[in-house]
Amino acid sequence: VQTCALPISLLFSATLDGAVRALVRKYQHDPVQHELPAPAMTVESLDQRFICVRSHDKIQVALQICRNATRAITFVRTTHGADRLVRQLGELGLSATAMHGRMAQNKRERSLAAFTSGSSPVLVATNVAARVIDVSDVDVVIHYDPPEDEKVYLHRSGRTARAGRGGMVVTLVQPEQESDLLRIQRAARLDYPVVAMRSSDPRLHDLAGWTQ
């Protein structure tokens, strides 16, 4: 019996999002894909809110949500966006720290330590943090920039409602982004209304008590 002597390449990834699929297309020929189904978000203690905001009011909406949280992770798409949001929140009187791929490891560790200790109650992160952060008492996750797809949404959102605790996931979406968000909702088997709010809306002070 002859065995195949051709080299075999294996690629393992927590998710097969856009960036990973690009690597597959570039470096693998006729790949066979094995994927475990993503678990549906059925955690009873996890609340989810989808809020439509205007671009000029977005930072103020995020500020109100973070101020009413004990510990919040706010996800953005780019490293520049993370540093900018940290600076903006700081100028508004809220201590925040960043975590992204362009930071040295020792700076990442300091940011995580400040967030875990509570000295900086807001962590502004790119998707790199969705897979490496394991903090059990995060009570709010904010998708400041909407996720690229349902898998990113699930991984980001999974940073709260851990170890049997409750949690809140808030997605901020601008009007022109609503169609993409609804596509993500369908793919994740979610069905929540997208509610328009301004930063002066009293519901932002108690999102858990808000009845949709």
N, C-alpha and C. Protein backbone atom coordinates (compact mmCIF):
# COMPACT_ATOMS: atom_id res chain seq x y z
N VAL A 1 0.85 -1.18 0.00
CA VAL A 1 0.00 0.00 0.00
C VAL A 1 0.89 1.23 0.00
N GLN A 2 0.69 2.07 -0.98
CA GLN A 2 1.47 3.29 -1.06
C GLN A 2 0.74 4.42 -0.33
N THR A 3 1.50 5.23 0.34
CA THR A 3 0.92 6.37 1.03
C THR A 3 1.32 7.65 0.32
N CYS A 4 0.49 8.64 0.47
CA CYS A 4 0.73 9.93 -0.18
C CYS A 4 1.87 10.65 0.53
N ALA A 5 2.87 11.07 -0.24
CA ALA A 5 4.02 11.77 0.34
C ALA A 5 3.92 13.27 0.16
N LEU A 6 2.78 13.76 -0.34
CA LEU A 6 2.63 15.19 -0.54
C LEU A 6 2.57 15.91 0.80
N PRO A 7 3.18 17.09 0.92
CA PRO A 7 3.12 17.84 2.18
C PRO A 7 1.70 18.30 2.49
N ILE A 8 1.36 18.30 3.73
CA ILE A 8 0.03 18.72 4.17
C ILE A 8 0.18 19.93 5.09
N SER A 9 -0.56 20.97 4.82
CA SER A 9 -0.55 22.16 5.67
C SER A 9 -1.85 22.24 6.45
N LEU A 10 -1.72 22.51 7.73
CA LEU A 10 -2.89 22.65 8.60
C LEU A 10 -2.93 24.07 9.14
N LEU A 11 -4.08 24.67 9.10
CA LEU A 11 -4.27 26.02 9.62
C LEU A 11 -5.37 25.98 10.67
N PHE A 12 -5.02 26.38 11.89
CA PHE A 12 -5.98 26.40 12.98
C PHE A 12 -6.29 27.85 13.34
N SER A 13 -7.55 28.15 13.53
CA SER A 13 -7.96 29.51 13.89
C SER A 13 -9.20 29.45 14.77
N ALA A 14 -9.28 30.37 15.74
CA ALA A 14 -10.47 30.42 16.60
C ALA A 14 -11.69 30.80 15.78
N THR A 15 -11.49 31.61 14.76
CA THR A 15 -12.59 31.98 13.87
C THR A 15 -12.07 31.98 12.44
N LEU A 16 -12.98 31.91 11.49
CA LEU A 16 -12.63 32.03 10.07
C LEU A 16 -13.26 33.32 9.56
N ASP A 17 -12.75 34.44 10.05
CA ASP A 17 -13.28 35.72 9.64
C ASP A 17 -12.61 36.16 8.35
N GLY A 18 -12.85 37.41 7.94
CA GLY A 18 -12.35 37.88 6.65
C GLY A 18 -10.86 37.79 6.51
N ALA A 19 -10.10 38.16 7.56
CA ALA A 19 -8.64 38.16 7.47
C ALA A 19 -8.10 36.74 7.32
N VAL A 20 -8.66 35.79 8.07
CA VAL A 20 -8.19 34.41 7.99
C VAL A 20 -8.55 33.81 6.64
N ARG A 21 -9.74 34.09 6.15
CA ARG A 21 -10.14 33.56 4.84
C ARG A 21 -9.21 34.09 3.74
N ALA A 22 -8.74 35.32 3.88
CA ALA A 22 -7.81 35.86 2.89
C ALA A 22 -6.50 35.07 2.88
N LEU A 23 -6.03 34.66 4.07
CA LEU A 23 -4.83 33.84 4.15
C LEU A 23 -5.06 32.48 3.50
N VAL A 24 -6.23 31.90 3.74
CA VAL A 24 -6.55 30.60 3.15
C VAL A 24 -6.51 30.69 1.62
N ARG A 25 -7.15 31.73 1.08
CA ARG A 25 -7.18 31.88 -0.38
C ARG A 25 -5.79 32.10 -0.96
N LYS A 26 -4.92 32.80 -0.21
CA LYS A 26 -3.60 33.14 -0.74
C LYS A 26 -2.63 31.99 -0.68
N TYR A 27 -2.67 31.20 0.42
CA TYR A 27 -1.60 30.23 0.65
C TYR A 27 -2.03 28.77 0.56
N GLN A 28 -3.30 28.48 0.50
CA GLN A 28 -3.73 27.09 0.45
C GLN A 28 -4.43 26.78 -0.87
N HIS A 29 -4.18 25.58 -1.34
CA HIS A 29 -4.76 25.15 -2.61
C HIS A 29 -5.80 24.08 -2.35
N ASP A 30 -7.01 24.33 -2.80
CA ASP A 30 -8.11 23.38 -2.67
C ASP A 30 -8.23 22.87 -1.21
N PRO A 31 -8.38 23.77 -0.24
CA PRO A 31 -8.39 23.34 1.17
C PRO A 31 -9.68 22.63 1.55
N VAL A 32 -9.57 21.75 2.52
CA VAL A 32 -10.73 21.11 3.13
C VAL A 32 -10.97 21.79 4.47
N GLN A 33 -12.17 22.25 4.69
CA GLN A 33 -12.46 23.03 5.89
C GLN A 33 -13.29 22.20 6.87
N HIS A 34 -12.84 22.17 8.12
CA HIS A 34 -13.59 21.55 9.21
C HIS A 34 -13.87 22.63 10.24
N GLU A 35 -15.13 22.85 10.53
CA GLU A 35 -15.50 23.95 11.41
C GLU A 35 -16.56 23.50 12.40
N LEU A 36 -16.33 23.81 13.67
CA LEU A 36 -17.34 23.55 14.68
C LEU A 36 -18.37 24.66 14.64
N PRO A 37 -19.65 24.33 14.73
CA PRO A 37 -20.67 25.38 14.69
C PRO A 37 -20.53 26.32 15.86
N ALA A 38 -20.68 27.62 15.59
CA ALA A 38 -20.62 28.61 16.67
C ALA A 38 -21.83 28.45 17.56
N PRO A 39 -21.64 28.49 18.87
CA PRO A 39 -22.78 28.36 19.77
C PRO A 39 -23.71 29.56 19.68
N ALA A 40 -24.99 29.29 19.70
CA ALA A 40 -25.95 30.39 19.70
C ALA A 40 -25.89 31.12 21.03
N MET A 41 -26.19 32.42 20.98
CA MET A 41 -26.14 33.19 22.20
C MET A 41 -27.42 32.98 22.98
N THR A 42 -27.39 32.04 23.89
CA THR A 42 -28.59 31.68 24.64
C THR A 42 -28.41 31.95 26.13
N VAL A 43 -27.38 32.70 26.50
CA VAL A 43 -27.13 32.96 27.91
C VAL A 43 -28.26 33.84 28.45
N GLU A 44 -29.00 33.31 29.41
CA GLU A 44 -30.16 34.03 29.91
C GLU A 44 -29.78 35.32 30.60
N SER A 45 -28.58 35.39 31.15
CA SER A 45 -28.17 36.57 31.90
C SER A 45 -27.55 37.64 31.00
N LEU A 46 -27.53 37.42 29.68
CA LEU A 46 -26.93 38.37 28.76
C LEU A 46 -28.02 39.22 28.11
N ASP A 47 -27.97 40.53 28.34
CA ASP A 47 -28.89 41.47 27.70
C ASP A 47 -28.20 42.09 26.49
N GLN A 48 -28.97 42.33 25.43
CA GLN A 48 -28.41 42.90 24.21
C GLN A 48 -29.25 44.09 23.75
N ARG A 49 -28.56 45.16 23.40
CA ARG A 49 -29.22 46.37 22.93
C ARG A 49 -28.54 46.85 21.66
N PHE A 50 -29.34 47.33 20.71
CA PHE A 50 -28.84 47.87 19.45
C PHE A 50 -29.36 49.29 19.32
N ILE A 51 -28.42 50.24 19.30
CA ILE A 51 -28.78 51.65 19.37
C ILE A 51 -28.28 52.38 18.13
N CYS A 52 -29.19 53.09 17.47
CA CYS A 52 -28.82 53.90 16.32
C CYS A 52 -28.42 55.28 16.80
N VAL A 53 -27.23 55.73 16.41
CA VAL A 53 -26.71 57.03 16.85
C VAL A 53 -26.22 57.82 15.64
N ARG A 54 -26.21 59.13 15.80
CA ARG A 54 -25.60 60.01 14.80
C ARG A 54 -24.11 60.13 15.08
N SER A 55 -23.33 60.32 14.05
CA SER A 55 -21.87 60.33 14.20
C SER A 55 -21.40 61.39 15.19
N HIS A 56 -22.04 62.57 15.18
CA HIS A 56 -21.60 63.66 16.04
C HIS A 56 -21.93 63.40 17.51
N ASP A 57 -22.84 62.47 17.79
CA ASP A 57 -23.29 62.21 19.16
C ASP A 57 -22.78 60.86 19.67
N LYS A 58 -22.06 60.14 18.85
CA LYS A 58 -21.68 58.76 19.18
C LYS A 58 -20.80 58.68 20.42
N ILE A 59 -19.80 59.55 20.51
CA ILE A 59 -18.88 59.51 21.65
C ILE A 59 -19.62 59.82 22.95
N GLN A 60 -20.59 60.73 22.90
CA GLN A 60 -21.36 61.07 24.09
C GLN A 60 -22.26 59.92 24.52
N VAL A 61 -22.83 59.20 23.57
CA VAL A 61 -23.65 58.02 23.90
C VAL A 61 -22.78 56.97 24.58
N ALA A 62 -21.60 56.71 24.02
CA ALA A 62 -20.69 55.73 24.63
C ALA A 62 -20.27 56.19 26.02
N LEU A 63 -20.05 57.48 26.19
CA LEU A 63 -19.65 58.01 27.49
C LEU A 63 -20.72 57.74 28.55
N GLN A 64 -21.99 57.99 28.19
CA GLN A 64 -23.08 57.76 29.15
C GLN A 64 -23.17 56.29 29.55
N ILE A 65 -23.00 55.40 28.59
CA ILE A 65 -23.06 53.96 28.89
C ILE A 65 -21.91 53.55 29.80
N CYS A 66 -20.70 54.02 29.48
CA CYS A 66 -19.53 53.64 30.26
C CYS A 66 -19.59 54.20 31.68
N ARG A 67 -20.13 55.39 31.83
CA ARG A 67 -20.22 56.00 33.15
C ARG A 67 -21.16 55.22 34.07
N ASN A 68 -22.09 54.50 33.49
CA ASN A 68 -23.03 53.73 34.30
C ASN A 68 -22.63 52.26 34.39
N ALA A 69 -21.41 51.96 34.00
CA ALA A 69 -20.88 50.59 34.10
C ALA A 69 -19.77 50.54 35.13
N THR A 70 -19.60 49.39 35.75
CA THR A 70 -18.47 49.19 36.66
C THR A 70 -17.19 48.94 35.87
N ARG A 71 -17.30 48.10 34.86
CA ARG A 71 -16.14 47.78 34.02
C ARG A 71 -16.65 47.50 32.60
N ALA A 72 -16.15 48.24 31.62
CA ALA A 72 -16.67 48.14 30.25
C ALA A 72 -15.53 47.93 29.26
N ILE A 73 -15.78 47.07 28.29
CA ILE A 73 -14.87 46.91 27.15
C ILE A 73 -15.56 47.51 25.93
N THR A 74 -14.87 48.42 25.26
CA THR A 74 -15.41 49.08 24.08
C THR A 74 -14.57 48.67 22.87
N PHE A 75 -15.21 48.03 21.89
CA PHE A 75 -14.47 47.52 20.74
C PHE A 75 -14.54 48.47 19.56
N VAL A 76 -13.39 48.70 18.94
CA VAL A 76 -13.28 49.50 17.73
C VAL A 76 -12.54 48.67 16.68
N ARG A 77 -12.53 49.16 15.45
CA ARG A 77 -11.94 48.36 14.37
C ARG A 77 -10.45 48.58 14.17
N THR A 78 -9.96 49.77 14.48
CA THR A 78 -8.57 50.09 14.15
C THR A 78 -7.78 50.51 15.38
N THR A 79 -6.47 50.36 15.27
CA THR A 79 -5.59 50.78 16.37
C THR A 79 -5.66 52.30 16.55
N HIS A 80 -5.71 53.03 15.45
CA HIS A 80 -5.82 54.48 15.54
C HIS A 80 -7.13 54.87 16.23
N GLY A 81 -8.20 54.16 15.87
CA GLY A 81 -9.49 54.43 16.49
C GLY A 81 -9.48 54.16 17.98
N ALA A 82 -8.75 53.14 18.41
CA ALA A 82 -8.66 52.82 19.84
C ALA A 82 -7.94 53.93 20.59
N ASP A 83 -6.79 54.37 20.07
CA ASP A 83 -6.03 55.44 20.73
C ASP A 83 -6.84 56.74 20.75
N ARG A 84 -7.55 57.01 19.67
CA ARG A 84 -8.33 58.25 19.60
C ARG A 84 -9.48 58.23 20.60
N LEU A 85 -10.17 57.09 20.72
CA LEU A 85 -11.30 57.01 21.64
C LEU A 85 -10.82 57.12 23.09
N VAL A 86 -9.68 56.52 23.41
CA VAL A 86 -9.12 56.67 24.76
C VAL A 86 -8.86 58.14 25.05
N ARG A 87 -8.30 58.83 24.09
CA ARG A 87 -8.00 60.26 24.28
C ARG A 87 -9.29 61.06 24.45
N GLN A 88 -10.30 60.77 23.64
CA GLN A 88 -11.57 61.50 23.72
C GLN A 88 -12.27 61.26 25.05
N LEU A 89 -12.30 60.02 25.49
CA LEU A 89 -12.94 59.72 26.77
C LEU A 89 -12.19 60.41 27.92
N GLY A 90 -10.87 60.42 27.84
CA GLY A 90 -10.07 61.10 28.85
C GLY A 90 -10.37 62.58 28.91
N GLU A 91 -10.54 63.21 27.75
CA GLU A 91 -10.86 64.63 27.71
C GLU A 91 -12.23 64.92 28.30
N LEU A 92 -13.10 63.91 28.31
CA LEU A 92 -14.43 64.06 28.89
C LEU A 92 -14.48 63.60 30.34
N GLY A 93 -13.32 63.28 30.89
CA GLY A 93 -13.24 62.97 32.32
C GLY A 93 -13.38 61.52 32.69
N LEU A 94 -13.29 60.61 31.71
CA LEU A 94 -13.42 59.19 32.00
C LEU A 94 -12.10 58.48 31.71
N SER A 95 -11.54 57.82 32.70
CA SER A 95 -10.27 57.13 32.53
C SER A 95 -10.46 55.87 31.69
N ALA A 96 -9.67 55.75 30.63
CA ALA A 96 -9.74 54.58 29.75
C ALA A 96 -8.33 54.22 29.32
N THR A 97 -8.16 52.96 28.95
CA THR A 97 -6.85 52.49 28.48
C THR A 97 -7.07 51.66 27.22
N ALA A 98 -6.05 51.59 26.38
CA ALA A 98 -6.18 50.92 25.09
C ALA A 98 -5.48 49.58 25.09
N MET A 99 -5.94 48.70 24.19
CA MET A 99 -5.24 47.44 23.92
C MET A 99 -5.42 47.11 22.43
N HIS A 100 -4.28 47.02 21.74
CA HIS A 100 -4.34 46.68 20.32
C HIS A 100 -3.01 46.09 19.87
N GLY A 101 -2.97 45.62 18.64
CA GLY A 101 -1.84 44.86 18.14
C GLY A 101 -0.57 45.64 17.95
N ARG A 102 -0.61 46.97 17.90
CA ARG A 102 0.60 47.75 17.70
C ARG A 102 1.27 48.14 19.02
N MET A 103 0.70 47.72 20.12
CA MET A 103 1.30 48.00 21.42
C MET A 103 2.30 46.92 21.78
N ALA A 104 3.39 47.31 22.45
CA ALA A 104 4.35 46.33 22.95
C ALA A 104 3.68 45.48 24.02
N GLN A 105 4.19 44.28 24.21
CA GLN A 105 3.57 43.35 25.15
C GLN A 105 3.50 43.92 26.56
N ASN A 106 4.57 44.62 26.99
CA ASN A 106 4.55 45.17 28.35
C ASN A 106 3.49 46.25 28.50
N LYS A 107 3.22 47.01 27.43
CA LYS A 107 2.16 48.02 27.49
C LYS A 107 0.79 47.35 27.54
N ARG A 108 0.63 46.26 26.79
CA ARG A 108 -0.64 45.53 26.86
C ARG A 108 -0.89 45.02 28.27
N GLU A 109 0.15 44.49 28.88
CA GLU A 109 0.01 43.95 30.23
C GLU A 109 -0.35 45.05 31.23
N ARG A 110 0.25 46.23 31.06
CA ARG A 110 -0.09 47.34 31.95
C ARG A 110 -1.53 47.79 31.75
N SER A 111 -1.98 47.82 30.50
CA SER A 111 -3.36 48.21 30.23
C SER A 111 -4.34 47.22 30.85
N LEU A 112 -4.05 45.93 30.69
CA LEU A 112 -4.93 44.91 31.25
C LEU A 112 -4.93 44.97 32.78
N ALA A 113 -3.76 45.24 33.38
CA ALA A 113 -3.68 45.34 34.83
C ALA A 113 -4.49 46.53 35.34
N ALA A 114 -4.41 47.66 34.63
CA ALA A 114 -5.17 48.85 35.03
C ALA A 114 -6.67 48.60 34.90
N PHE A 115 -7.05 47.88 33.86
CA PHE A 115 -8.47 47.57 33.66
C PHE A 115 -8.96 46.58 34.72
N THR A 116 -8.18 45.55 34.99
CA THR A 116 -8.58 44.54 35.96
C THR A 116 -8.69 45.12 37.37
N SER A 117 -7.76 46.02 37.71
CA SER A 117 -7.76 46.61 39.05
C SER A 117 -8.86 47.65 39.22
N GLY A 118 -9.37 48.17 38.11
CA GLY A 118 -10.40 49.19 38.17
C GLY A 118 -9.88 50.61 38.12
N SER A 119 -8.57 50.79 38.08
CA SER A 119 -8.03 52.15 37.98
C SER A 119 -8.38 52.79 36.64
N SER A 120 -8.55 51.98 35.61
CA SER A 120 -9.11 52.42 34.33
C SER A 120 -10.30 51.52 34.03
N PRO A 121 -11.51 51.98 34.34
CA PRO A 121 -12.68 51.10 34.23
C PRO A 121 -13.14 50.83 32.80
N VAL A 122 -12.50 51.47 31.83
CA VAL A 122 -12.88 51.26 30.43
C VAL A 122 -11.65 50.81 29.65
N LEU A 123 -11.80 49.70 28.95
CA LEU A 123 -10.76 49.20 28.06
C LEU A 123 -11.25 49.37 26.63
N VAL A 124 -10.50 50.10 25.83
CA VAL A 124 -10.83 50.30 24.42
C VAL A 124 -9.92 49.39 23.60
N ALA A 125 -10.51 48.47 22.88
CA ALA A 125 -9.71 47.42 22.26
C ALA A 125 -10.13 47.14 20.82
N THR A 126 -9.17 46.68 20.04
CA THR A 126 -9.48 46.11 18.73
C THR A 126 -9.83 44.64 18.93
N ASN A 127 -10.10 43.94 17.85
CA ASN A 127 -10.56 42.56 17.97
C ASN A 127 -9.54 41.63 18.59
N VAL A 128 -8.27 42.05 18.67
CA VAL A 128 -7.26 41.21 19.29
C VAL A 128 -7.66 40.86 20.72
N ALA A 129 -8.35 41.75 21.40
CA ALA A 129 -8.72 41.52 22.80
C ALA A 129 -9.89 40.57 22.94
N ALA A 130 -10.65 40.37 21.88
CA ALA A 130 -11.82 39.50 21.98
C ALA A 130 -11.42 38.07 22.28
N ARG A 131 -10.18 37.70 21.95
CA ARG A 131 -9.76 36.31 22.13
C ARG A 131 -8.80 36.11 23.29
N VAL A 132 -8.22 37.20 23.80
CA VAL A 132 -7.18 37.02 24.82
C VAL A 132 -7.58 37.51 26.20
N ILE A 133 -8.63 38.33 26.30
CA ILE A 133 -9.02 38.87 27.60
C ILE A 133 -9.91 37.88 28.33
N ASP A 134 -9.57 37.61 29.57
CA ASP A 134 -10.38 36.72 30.40
C ASP A 134 -10.58 37.40 31.76
N VAL A 135 -11.50 38.36 31.80
CA VAL A 135 -11.83 39.08 33.02
C VAL A 135 -13.29 38.76 33.34
N SER A 136 -13.52 38.21 34.51
CA SER A 136 -14.84 37.65 34.81
C SER A 136 -15.89 38.69 35.16
N ASP A 137 -15.49 39.90 35.55
CA ASP A 137 -16.46 40.87 36.04
C ASP A 137 -16.63 42.07 35.12
N VAL A 138 -16.63 41.83 33.81
CA VAL A 138 -16.95 42.87 32.84
C VAL A 138 -18.47 42.92 32.72
N ASP A 139 -19.07 44.06 33.05
CA ASP A 139 -20.53 44.10 33.03
C ASP A 139 -21.11 44.67 31.74
N VAL A 140 -20.27 45.37 30.93
CA VAL A 140 -20.76 45.93 29.67
C VAL A 140 -19.73 45.74 28.57
N VAL A 141 -20.19 45.28 27.42
CA VAL A 141 -19.39 45.28 26.19
C VAL A 141 -20.08 46.20 25.20
N ILE A 142 -19.31 47.13 24.64
CA ILE A 142 -19.85 48.05 23.64
C ILE A 142 -19.19 47.79 22.30
N HIS A 143 -19.99 47.53 21.28
CA HIS A 143 -19.48 47.49 19.92
C HIS A 143 -19.53 48.93 19.41
N TYR A 144 -18.48 49.70 19.70
CA TYR A 144 -18.45 51.11 19.27
C TYR A 144 -18.43 51.18 17.75
N ASP A 145 -17.59 50.36 17.16
CA ASP A 145 -17.65 50.14 15.71
C ASP A 145 -18.32 48.79 15.50
N PRO A 146 -19.36 48.71 14.69
CA PRO A 146 -20.05 47.43 14.49
C PRO A 146 -19.09 46.34 14.04
N PRO A 147 -19.31 45.10 14.46
CA PRO A 147 -18.42 44.00 14.07
C PRO A 147 -18.51 43.71 12.58
N GLU A 148 -17.46 43.06 12.07
CA GLU A 148 -17.42 42.75 10.65
C GLU A 148 -18.41 41.66 10.27
N ASP A 149 -18.63 40.71 11.16
CA ASP A 149 -19.56 39.62 10.89
C ASP A 149 -20.06 39.05 12.21
N GLU A 150 -20.91 38.02 12.13
CA GLU A 150 -21.52 37.48 13.34
C GLU A 150 -20.52 36.79 14.25
N LYS A 151 -19.44 36.24 13.68
CA LYS A 151 -18.44 35.57 14.51
C LYS A 151 -17.68 36.57 15.37
N VAL A 152 -17.34 37.71 14.78
CA VAL A 152 -16.69 38.76 15.57
C VAL A 152 -17.65 39.26 16.64
N TYR A 153 -18.92 39.38 16.29
CA TYR A 153 -19.91 39.82 17.29
C TYR A 153 -19.95 38.85 18.47
N LEU A 154 -19.96 37.57 18.19
CA LEU A 154 -20.03 36.57 19.25
C LEU A 154 -18.78 36.59 20.12
N HIS A 155 -17.61 36.68 19.51
CA HIS A 155 -16.37 36.67 20.29
C HIS A 155 -16.24 37.92 21.14
N ARG A 156 -16.54 39.07 20.57
CA ARG A 156 -16.50 40.30 21.36
C ARG A 156 -17.49 40.22 22.53
N SER A 157 -18.72 39.85 22.20
CA SER A 157 -19.79 39.83 23.21
C SER A 157 -19.50 38.84 24.33
N GLY A 158 -18.74 37.81 24.03
CA GLY A 158 -18.42 36.79 25.02
C GLY A 158 -17.50 37.25 26.13
N ARG A 159 -17.07 38.53 26.11
CA ARG A 159 -16.23 39.05 27.18
C ARG A 159 -17.05 39.42 28.41
N THR A 160 -18.38 39.41 28.31
CA THR A 160 -19.23 39.67 29.46
C THR A 160 -20.15 38.47 29.69
N ALA A 161 -20.92 38.53 30.80
CA ALA A 161 -21.80 37.42 31.19
C ALA A 161 -21.01 36.13 31.34
N ARG A 162 -19.87 36.22 32.02
CA ARG A 162 -19.00 35.08 32.24
C ARG A 162 -19.12 34.59 33.67
N ALA A 163 -18.79 33.33 33.87
CA ALA A 163 -18.77 32.71 35.20
C ALA A 163 -20.11 32.88 35.91
N GLY A 164 -21.20 32.76 35.16
CA GLY A 164 -22.52 32.81 35.76
C GLY A 164 -23.03 34.20 36.08
N ARG A 165 -22.28 35.24 35.72
CA ARG A 165 -22.70 36.60 36.00
C ARG A 165 -23.50 37.18 34.84
N GLY A 166 -24.24 38.23 35.14
CA GLY A 166 -24.99 38.91 34.09
C GLY A 166 -24.08 39.82 33.29
N GLY A 167 -24.62 40.34 32.20
CA GLY A 167 -23.84 41.24 31.36
C GLY A 167 -24.72 41.94 30.34
N MET A 168 -24.20 43.04 29.82
CA MET A 168 -24.91 43.84 28.82
C MET A 168 -24.03 44.01 27.60
N VAL A 169 -24.59 43.79 26.42
CA VAL A 169 -23.89 44.02 25.16
C VAL A 169 -24.64 45.10 24.39
N VAL A 170 -23.93 46.16 24.04
CA VAL A 170 -24.55 47.29 23.35
C VAL A 170 -23.83 47.50 22.02
N THR A 171 -24.59 47.53 20.93
CA THR A 171 -24.03 47.80 19.61
C THR A 171 -24.49 49.17 19.15
N LEU A 172 -23.52 50.04 18.86
CA LEU A 172 -23.83 51.37 18.34
C LEU A 172 -23.73 51.32 16.82
N VAL A 173 -24.76 51.81 16.17
CA VAL A 173 -24.78 51.74 14.71
C VAL A 173 -25.29 53.07 14.16
N GLN A 174 -24.63 53.56 13.13
CA GLN A 174 -25.07 54.77 12.46
C GLN A 174 -26.08 54.40 11.38
N PRO A 175 -26.96 55.33 10.99
CA PRO A 175 -28.04 54.99 10.06
C PRO A 175 -27.58 54.26 8.81
N GLU A 176 -26.45 54.67 8.25
CA GLU A 176 -25.99 54.04 7.01
C GLU A 176 -25.42 52.64 7.23
N GLN A 177 -25.28 52.23 8.49
CA GLN A 177 -24.74 50.91 8.80
C GLN A 177 -25.83 49.89 9.17
N GLU A 178 -27.07 50.32 9.20
CA GLU A 178 -28.13 49.46 9.70
C GLU A 178 -28.32 48.20 8.87
N SER A 179 -28.22 48.29 7.56
CA SER A 179 -28.45 47.12 6.71
C SER A 179 -27.39 46.05 6.99
N ASP A 180 -26.13 46.46 7.18
CA ASP A 180 -25.08 45.50 7.51
C ASP A 180 -25.32 44.88 8.88
N LEU A 181 -25.78 45.68 9.82
CA LEU A 181 -26.06 45.15 11.16
C LEU A 181 -27.18 44.13 11.14
N LEU A 182 -28.23 44.39 10.37
CA LEU A 182 -29.34 43.44 10.29
C LEU A 182 -28.88 42.12 9.66
N ARG A 183 -27.96 42.20 8.72
CA ARG A 183 -27.39 40.97 8.15
C ARG A 183 -26.66 40.17 9.22
N ILE A 184 -25.91 40.85 10.07
CA ILE A 184 -25.19 40.17 11.15
C ILE A 184 -26.18 39.56 12.14
N GLN A 185 -27.24 40.29 12.45
CA GLN A 185 -28.26 39.75 13.35
C GLN A 185 -28.86 38.46 12.79
N ARG A 186 -29.18 38.46 11.51
CA ARG A 186 -29.77 37.26 10.91
C ARG A 186 -28.80 36.09 10.97
N ALA A 187 -27.53 36.35 10.67
CA ALA A 187 -26.53 35.28 10.69
C ALA A 187 -26.32 34.73 12.09
N ALA A 188 -26.45 35.60 13.12
CA ALA A 188 -26.27 35.19 14.51
C ALA A 188 -27.58 34.71 15.14
N ARG A 189 -28.65 34.68 14.34
CA ARG A 189 -29.97 34.25 14.81
C ARG A 189 -30.47 35.12 15.96
N LEU A 190 -30.31 36.42 15.76
CA LEU A 190 -30.79 37.40 16.72
C LEU A 190 -31.93 38.19 16.10
N ASP A 191 -32.80 38.71 16.93
CA ASP A 191 -33.92 39.51 16.45
C ASP A 191 -34.21 40.60 17.47
N TYR A 192 -33.48 41.71 17.35
CA TYR A 192 -33.64 42.83 18.26
C TYR A 192 -33.89 44.10 17.46
N PRO A 193 -34.74 44.98 17.94
CA PRO A 193 -34.94 46.25 17.24
C PRO A 193 -33.73 47.15 17.37
N VAL A 194 -33.53 47.98 16.36
CA VAL A 194 -32.50 49.01 16.42
C VAL A 194 -33.20 50.31 16.80
N VAL A 195 -32.89 50.84 17.97
CA VAL A 195 -33.61 51.97 18.54
C VAL A 195 -32.75 53.22 18.47
N ALA A 196 -33.29 54.28 17.90
CA ALA A 196 -32.56 55.55 17.81
C ALA A 196 -32.52 56.23 19.17
N MET A 197 -31.34 56.71 19.56
CA MET A 197 -31.18 57.43 20.82
C MET A 197 -30.19 58.57 20.66
N ARG A 198 -30.39 59.59 21.49
CA ARG A 198 -29.41 60.65 21.64
C ARG A 198 -28.73 60.50 22.98
N SER A 199 -27.64 61.22 23.17
CA SER A 199 -26.90 61.09 24.42
C SER A 199 -27.68 61.59 25.63
N SER A 200 -28.72 62.37 25.39
CA SER A 200 -29.57 62.87 26.48
C SER A 200 -30.68 61.91 26.87
N ASP A 201 -30.78 60.77 26.17
CA ASP A 201 -31.86 59.82 26.43
C ASP A 201 -31.69 59.19 27.81
N PRO A 202 -32.69 59.28 28.70
CA PRO A 202 -32.56 58.72 30.05
C PRO A 202 -32.40 57.21 30.06
N ARG A 203 -32.77 56.52 29.01
CA ARG A 203 -32.64 55.06 28.97
C ARG A 203 -31.18 54.62 29.00
N LEU A 204 -30.28 55.50 28.61
CA LEU A 204 -28.86 55.15 28.62
C LEU A 204 -28.33 54.95 30.03
N HIS A 205 -29.02 55.48 31.03
CA HIS A 205 -28.58 55.34 32.41
C HIS A 205 -29.00 54.01 33.03
N ASP A 206 -29.89 53.31 32.37
CA ASP A 206 -30.36 52.02 32.89
C ASP A 206 -30.80 51.13 31.73
N LEU A 207 -29.83 50.71 30.93
CA LEU A 207 -30.17 49.90 29.76
C LEU A 207 -30.77 48.56 30.14
N ALA A 208 -30.35 48.01 31.28
CA ALA A 208 -30.89 46.72 31.70
C ALA A 208 -32.38 46.84 32.07
N GLY A 209 -32.78 48.01 32.58
CA GLY A 209 -34.17 48.19 32.97
C GLY A 209 -35.05 48.69 31.86
N TRP A 210 -34.46 48.93 30.68
CA TRP A 210 -35.21 49.42 29.55
C TRP A 210 -35.96 48.27 28.88
N THR A 211 -37.27 48.39 28.82
CA THR A 211 -38.11 47.38 28.15
C THR A 211 -38.29 47.77 26.70
N GLN A 212 -37.80 46.92 25.81
CA GLN A 212 -37.87 47.23 24.39
C GLN A 212 -39.28 46.97 23.87
